[in-house]
């Protein structure tokens, strides 16, 4: 039996004859964030089954945080970040930084150098922030102060300092780091003097820094 999971809630299979993509699109009618979502499949014993019976299949949808109106954050060194203006293509933003001599890594090292520090628990992929956060942070702290705080929350995030979330969410993050199959979420109440969230997608392709209201 298939069981569909969205936003940590289980939903019964509406029609076994439908593909997972069709079920996702049907569920997106009342859960819009599922539009274009990917998914992972995990077997789980049925609570009412006997040994040897067929297992349930848990289909967990992994929605992505939208990137419309975001700024790309391009890492220069472990301690310094530069904010590259929004581009239609993230690669174009990187190339623009390279052209302006704001980037000092070869192409083959781009992803690793962007996301890895000593003892980092996982890669971040591309790091972006929402435009709402960018405007609020720069108004409060200026461009340099914003970049410093971005570096601080990313450093905490990749080293497992999940900070201002529940114990249950911290445990889920620990499991996600170990399995490398689920997204990682942390929250910071005091770094910016207002709450920010950091979310690394399940496939480690992108990490988004955002305000809770941007989610």
Protein backbone atom coordinates (compact mmCIF):
# COMPACT_ATOMS: atom_id res chain seq x y z
CA UNK A 1 0.00 0.00 0.00
CA UNK A 2 1.21 3.49 -0.84
CA UNK A 3 1.13 6.26 1.77
CA UNK A 4 1.82 9.82 0.68
CA UNK A 5 3.53 12.31 3.00
CA UNK A 6 3.43 16.08 2.59
CA UNK A 7 4.37 18.61 5.27
CA UNK A 8 4.92 15.70 7.69
CA UNK A 9 1.30 14.54 7.29
CA UNK A 10 0.32 11.17 5.90
CA UNK A 11 -2.33 10.94 3.20
CA UNK A 12 -3.98 7.73 1.93
CA UNK A 13 -3.58 6.62 -1.65
CA UNK A 14 -6.45 8.27 -3.60
CA UNK A 15 -6.21 5.80 -6.49
CA UNK A 16 -3.67 2.95 -6.81
CA UNK A 17 -3.95 3.15 -10.60
CA UNK A 18 -2.48 6.67 -10.65
CA UNK A 19 1.24 7.30 -10.99
CA UNK A 20 3.04 9.14 -8.19
CA UNK A 21 3.30 12.20 -10.41
CA UNK A 22 -0.45 12.14 -11.02
CA UNK A 23 -1.14 11.87 -7.29
CA UNK A 24 1.25 14.74 -6.63
CA UNK A 25 -0.52 16.93 -9.18
CA UNK A 26 -3.90 16.01 -7.69
CA UNK A 27 -2.71 16.87 -4.17
CA UNK A 28 -1.26 20.15 -5.46
CA UNK A 29 -4.83 21.36 -5.98
CA UNK A 30 -5.11 21.76 -2.19
CA UNK A 31 -1.37 21.87 -1.36
CA UNK A 32 0.03 24.35 -3.93
CA UNK A 33 3.60 23.98 -2.67
CA UNK A 34 3.65 20.47 -4.14
CA UNK A 35 3.71 21.83 -7.70
CA UNK A 36 6.86 20.39 -9.24
CA UNK A 37 7.89 18.65 -6.00
CA UNK A 38 10.22 15.66 -6.10
CA UNK A 39 9.78 12.63 -3.85
CA UNK A 40 11.55 9.79 -2.11
CA UNK A 41 10.20 6.27 -1.63
CA UNK A 42 10.86 4.29 1.55
CA UNK A 43 9.47 0.86 2.53
CA UNK A 44 7.80 0.57 5.93
CA UNK A 45 6.20 -2.43 7.64
CA UNK A 46 2.43 -2.23 7.87
CA UNK A 47 1.41 -2.01 11.53
CA UNK A 48 -1.27 -4.65 10.95
CA UNK A 49 0.82 -7.00 8.85
CA UNK A 50 2.35 -10.32 9.78
CA UNK A 51 6.02 -11.18 9.15
CA UNK A 52 6.57 -11.75 5.45
CA UNK A 53 3.61 -9.63 4.36
CA UNK A 54 4.06 -6.94 1.74
CA UNK A 55 5.38 -3.66 3.15
CA UNK A 56 3.86 -0.22 2.74
CA UNK A 57 5.63 2.29 0.52
CA UNK A 58 6.05 5.75 2.05
CA UNK A 59 6.19 8.39 -0.66
CA UNK A 60 7.52 11.62 0.86
CA UNK A 61 7.13 14.74 -1.26
CA UNK A 62 10.02 17.20 -1.04
CA UNK A 63 8.76 20.62 -1.91
CA UNK A 64 11.24 23.29 -2.86
CA UNK A 65 11.36 26.83 -1.59
CA UNK A 66 10.59 29.14 -4.49
CA UNK A 67 13.45 31.21 -5.89
CA UNK A 68 11.50 34.04 -7.49
CA UNK A 69 12.91 37.40 -6.50
CA UNK A 70 15.93 35.96 -4.73
CA UNK A 71 19.51 37.11 -4.58
CA UNK A 72 22.33 34.67 -5.17
CA UNK A 73 24.98 34.50 -2.50
CA UNK A 74 28.37 33.57 -3.88
CA UNK A 75 31.00 32.38 -1.43
CA UNK A 76 34.45 33.93 -1.72
CA UNK A 77 36.26 32.45 1.26
CA UNK A 78 35.22 30.74 4.46
CA UNK A 79 34.67 34.10 6.16
CA UNK A 80 33.56 36.37 3.30
CA UNK A 81 30.49 36.43 1.07
CA UNK A 82 29.48 38.71 -1.75
CA UNK A 83 25.89 39.21 -2.85
CA UNK A 84 25.50 38.89 -6.61
CA UNK A 85 22.47 40.56 -8.12
CA UNK A 86 19.58 38.39 -9.21
CA UNK A 87 20.00 36.72 -12.60
CA UNK A 88 17.67 34.58 -14.65
CA UNK A 89 20.23 31.79 -14.44
CA UNK A 90 22.25 31.05 -11.32
CA UNK A 91 25.25 30.14 -13.48
CA UNK A 92 25.04 33.57 -15.10
CA UNK A 93 25.33 35.12 -11.64
CA UNK A 94 28.43 33.06 -10.93
CA UNK A 95 29.97 33.97 -14.27
CA UNK A 96 29.26 37.66 -13.58
CA UNK A 97 31.12 37.38 -10.29
CA UNK A 98 34.04 35.66 -12.01
CA UNK A 99 34.16 38.44 -14.63
CA UNK A 100 34.33 41.06 -11.87
CA UNK A 101 37.15 39.16 -10.13
CA UNK A 102 34.88 38.44 -7.17
CA UNK A 103 35.39 34.70 -7.50
CA UNK A 104 38.65 32.88 -6.94
CA UNK A 105 37.85 29.22 -7.48
CA UNK A 106 38.07 27.09 -10.59
CA UNK A 107 34.84 25.78 -12.13
CA UNK A 108 35.44 22.19 -11.04
CA UNK A 109 35.79 23.34 -7.42
CA UNK A 110 32.74 25.59 -7.49
CA UNK A 111 30.22 23.44 -5.65
CA UNK A 112 32.65 21.99 -3.13
CA UNK A 113 34.30 25.29 -2.28
CA UNK A 114 30.94 27.01 -2.11
CA UNK A 115 29.54 24.66 0.47
CA UNK A 116 32.32 22.91 2.34
CA UNK A 117 34.13 23.94 5.48
CA UNK A 118 36.28 21.87 7.78
CA UNK A 119 34.02 19.41 9.60
CA UNK A 120 30.88 20.50 7.67
CA UNK A 121 28.19 17.84 8.08
CA UNK A 122 26.75 18.22 4.57
CA UNK A 123 27.10 20.32 1.38
CA UNK A 124 24.80 23.29 0.92
CA UNK A 125 24.57 23.34 -2.86
CA UNK A 126 23.86 26.83 -4.14
CA UNK A 127 23.06 29.28 -1.35
CA UNK A 128 20.35 31.88 -1.91
CA UNK A 129 18.37 34.31 0.22
CA UNK A 130 14.91 35.69 -0.39
CA UNK A 131 14.57 39.29 -1.47
CA UNK A 132 12.39 40.03 1.58
CA UNK A 133 15.18 38.95 3.90
CA UNK A 134 17.80 40.78 1.89
CA UNK A 135 15.89 44.06 2.08
CA UNK A 136 15.09 43.73 5.79
CA UNK A 137 18.62 42.68 6.73
CA UNK A 138 20.35 45.41 4.74
CA UNK A 139 18.01 48.02 6.20
CA UNK A 140 18.90 46.86 9.71
CA UNK A 141 22.57 45.95 9.32
CA UNK A 142 23.86 47.27 5.98
CA UNK A 143 25.46 45.20 3.24
CA UNK A 144 28.56 44.20 5.22
CA UNK A 145 26.57 43.37 8.35
CA UNK A 146 24.16 41.28 6.30
CA UNK A 147 27.00 39.33 4.68
CA UNK A 148 28.58 38.70 8.09
CA UNK A 149 25.31 37.39 9.50
CA UNK A 150 24.68 35.21 6.45
CA UNK A 151 28.10 33.63 6.93
CA UNK A 152 27.34 33.08 10.62
CA UNK A 153 24.01 31.29 10.12
CA UNK A 154 25.40 29.13 7.31
CA UNK A 155 28.38 28.17 9.46
CA UNK A 156 26.07 27.19 12.33
CA UNK A 157 23.74 25.34 9.96
CA UNK A 158 26.38 23.15 8.31
CA UNK A 159 27.96 22.30 11.66
CA UNK A 160 24.72 21.05 13.19
CA UNK A 161 23.90 24.03 15.39
CA UNK A 162 20.18 23.91 14.56
CA UNK A 163 19.52 26.47 17.31
CA UNK A 164 15.93 27.67 17.76
CA UNK A 165 13.85 24.66 16.71
CA UNK A 166 12.13 21.90 18.66
CA UNK A 167 13.96 18.83 19.94
CA UNK A 168 11.91 16.74 17.51
CA UNK A 169 13.06 18.87 14.57
CA UNK A 170 16.67 18.64 15.76
CA UNK A 171 16.39 14.86 15.85
CA UNK A 172 14.90 14.87 12.36
CA UNK A 173 17.84 16.98 11.15
CA UNK A 174 20.32 14.53 12.68
CA UNK A 175 18.58 11.70 10.84
CA UNK A 176 18.59 13.69 7.60
CA UNK A 177 22.33 14.26 7.88
CA UNK A 178 22.89 10.55 8.41
CA UNK A 179 20.54 9.34 5.67
CA UNK A 180 21.28 12.14 3.18
CA UNK A 181 17.68 11.73 1.99
CA UNK A 182 15.71 14.51 3.66
CA UNK A 183 15.88 18.26 3.90
CA UNK A 184 17.56 20.04 6.81
CA UNK A 185 15.94 22.93 8.64
CA UNK A 186 17.33 25.32 11.24
CA UNK A 187 16.11 28.59 12.74
CA UNK A 188 17.97 31.51 14.31
CA UNK A 189 16.16 34.09 16.44
CA UNK A 190 19.01 36.38 17.42
CA UNK A 191 21.68 36.51 14.71
CA UNK A 192 19.78 39.13 12.69
CA UNK A 193 17.74 40.41 15.68
CA UNK A 194 14.75 38.78 14.01
CA UNK A 195 13.98 35.16 13.17
CA UNK A 196 15.43 33.63 10.03
CA UNK A 197 15.15 30.11 8.70
CA UNK A 198 17.75 28.09 6.78
CA UNK A 199 16.59 25.17 4.65
CA UNK A 200 18.84 22.78 2.72
CA UNK A 201 16.91 20.68 0.21
CA UNK A 202 16.91 16.90 0.47
CA UNK A 203 19.20 16.52 -2.57
CA UNK A 204 21.62 19.18 -1.22
CA UNK A 205 21.21 21.18 -4.43
CA UNK A 206 20.25 24.47 -2.79
CA UNK A 207 20.13 26.11 0.62
CA UNK A 208 17.71 28.99 1.15
CA UNK A 209 17.89 31.61 3.88
CA UNK A 210 14.51 33.21 4.41
CA UNK A 211 12.04 34.87 6.71
CA UNK A 212 9.32 32.58 8.13
CA UNK A 213 6.68 34.54 6.19
CA UNK A 214 8.51 33.77 2.93
CA UNK A 215 7.79 30.05 3.32
